[in-house]
């Protein structure tokens, strides 16, 4: 089984971009019926689960697709 060696700064940057994008969409009202309202619990859950699921996808990708070794 191969384990990916992720860059922690890359995960942090990707997570920040995703959370900020969702926060802007929530604030403008594109995701909810209440414009100018943020759901901090939702954003915290996304900030915690996004890196975990991103790593799981990388783990599956490292073990399913053949590499050029």
C-alpha atoms as a PDB file:
ATOM      1  CA  UNK A   1       0.000   0.000   0.000  1.00  0.00           C
ATOM      2  CA  UNK A   2       1.355   3.390  -0.990  1.00  0.00           C
ATOM      3  CA  UNK A   3       0.839   6.442   1.163  1.00  0.00           C
ATOM      4  CA  UNK A   4       0.893   9.884  -0.451  1.00  0.00           C
ATOM      5  CA  UNK A   5       3.312  12.419   0.970  1.00  0.00           C
ATOM      6  CA  UNK A   6       1.191  15.564   0.939  1.00  0.00           C
ATOM      7  CA  UNK A   7       2.462  19.052   1.461  1.00  0.00           C
ATOM      8  CA  UNK A   8       0.758  20.420   4.564  1.00  0.00           C
ATOM      9  CA  UNK A   9       0.937  23.960   3.232  1.00  0.00           C
ATOM     10  CA  UNK A  10      -0.877  22.851   0.073  1.00  0.00           C
ATOM     11  CA  UNK A  11      -3.683  21.288   2.139  1.00  0.00           C
ATOM     12  CA  UNK A  12      -3.899  24.427   4.273  1.00  0.00           C
ATOM     13  CA  UNK A  13      -4.095  26.678   1.210  1.00  0.00           C
ATOM     14  CA  UNK A  14      -6.722  24.496  -0.494  1.00  0.00           C
ATOM     15  CA  UNK A  15      -8.789  24.335   2.693  1.00  0.00           C
ATOM     16  CA  UNK A  16      -8.609  28.109   3.144  1.00  0.00           C
ATOM     17  CA  UNK A  17      -9.724  28.684  -0.450  1.00  0.00           C
ATOM     18  CA  UNK A  18     -12.657  26.287  -0.107  1.00  0.00           C
ATOM     19  CA  UNK A  19     -13.814  27.717   3.236  1.00  0.00           C
ATOM     20  CA  UNK A  20     -13.471  31.328   2.074  1.00  0.00           C
ATOM     21  CA  UNK A  21     -15.338  30.568  -1.146  1.00  0.00           C
ATOM     22  CA  UNK A  22     -18.182  28.947   0.785  1.00  0.00           C
ATOM     23  CA  UNK A  23     -18.232  31.845   3.255  1.00  0.00           C
ATOM     24  CA  UNK A  24     -18.559  34.370   0.426  1.00  0.00           C
ATOM     25  CA  UNK A  25     -21.305  32.326  -1.215  1.00  0.00           C
ATOM     26  CA  UNK A  26     -23.167  32.106   2.098  1.00  0.00           C
ATOM     27  CA  UNK A  27     -22.724  35.808   2.812  1.00  0.00           C
ATOM     28  CA  UNK A  28     -24.066  36.818  -0.601  1.00  0.00           C
ATOM     29  CA  UNK A  29     -27.019  34.468  -0.224  1.00  0.00           C
ATOM     30  CA  UNK A  30     -26.196  32.046  -3.033  1.00  0.00           C
ATOM     31  CA  UNK A  31     -26.216  29.023  -0.703  1.00  0.00           C
ATOM     32  CA  UNK A  32     -28.934  30.038   1.724  1.00  0.00           C
ATOM     33  CA  UNK A  33     -32.157  32.009   1.731  1.00  0.00           C
ATOM     34  CA  UNK A  34     -30.737  34.419   4.311  1.00  0.00           C
ATOM     35  CA  UNK A  35     -28.299  36.825   2.673  1.00  0.00           C
ATOM     36  CA  UNK A  36     -25.683  38.411   4.900  1.00  0.00           C
ATOM     37  CA  UNK A  37     -25.784  35.455   7.229  1.00  0.00           C
ATOM     38  CA  UNK A  38     -22.945  33.038   7.880  1.00  0.00           C
ATOM     39  CA  UNK A  39     -23.219  29.590   9.398  1.00  0.00           C
ATOM     40  CA  UNK A  40     -19.974  29.238  11.385  1.00  0.00           C
ATOM     41  CA  UNK A  41     -20.674  25.616  12.369  1.00  0.00           C
ATOM     42  CA  UNK A  42     -20.974  24.624   8.706  1.00  0.00           C
ATOM     43  CA  UNK A  43     -17.726  26.409   7.849  1.00  0.00           C
ATOM     44  CA  UNK A  44     -15.889  24.744  10.757  1.00  0.00           C
ATOM     45  CA  UNK A  45     -17.147  21.318   9.711  1.00  0.00           C
ATOM     46  CA  UNK A  46     -15.958  21.946   6.158  1.00  0.00           C
ATOM     47  CA  UNK A  47     -12.573  23.194   7.431  1.00  0.00           C
ATOM     48  CA  UNK A  48     -12.116  19.974   9.423  1.00  0.00           C
ATOM     49  CA  UNK A  49     -13.482  17.423   6.979  1.00  0.00           C
ATOM     50  CA  UNK A  50     -12.111  18.803   3.697  1.00  0.00           C
ATOM     51  CA  UNK A  51      -8.441  17.940   4.402  1.00  0.00           C
ATOM     52  CA  UNK A  52      -9.397  14.473   5.665  1.00  0.00           C
ATOM     53  CA  UNK A  53     -11.423  13.613   2.580  1.00  0.00           C
ATOM     54  CA  UNK A  54      -8.798  15.170   0.303  1.00  0.00           C
ATOM     55  CA  UNK A  55      -6.182  12.876   1.857  1.00  0.00           C
ATOM     56  CA  UNK A  56      -8.455   9.850   1.440  1.00  0.00           C
ATOM     57  CA  UNK A  57      -8.926  10.674  -2.243  1.00  0.00           C
ATOM     58  CA  UNK A  58      -5.145  11.026  -2.647  1.00  0.00           C
ATOM     59  CA  UNK A  59      -4.655   7.704  -0.843  1.00  0.00           C
ATOM     60  CA  UNK A  60      -7.063   5.919  -3.183  1.00  0.00           C
ATOM     61  CA  UNK A  61      -5.472   7.596  -6.188  1.00  0.00           C
ATOM     62  CA  UNK A  62      -1.982   6.524  -5.138  1.00  0.00           C
ATOM     63  CA  UNK A  63      -3.063   2.911  -4.811  1.00  0.00           C
ATOM     64  CA  UNK A  64      -5.470   2.534  -7.735  1.00  0.00           C
ATOM     65  CA  UNK A  65      -3.818   4.281 -10.645  1.00  0.00           C
ATOM     66  CA  UNK A  66      -0.475   2.882 -11.774  1.00  0.00           C
ATOM     67  CA  UNK A  67       2.451   5.219 -11.383  1.00  0.00           C
ATOM     68  CA  UNK A  68       5.295   5.652 -13.850  1.00  0.00           C
ATOM     69  CA  UNK A  69       7.851   3.719 -11.817  1.00  0.00           C
END
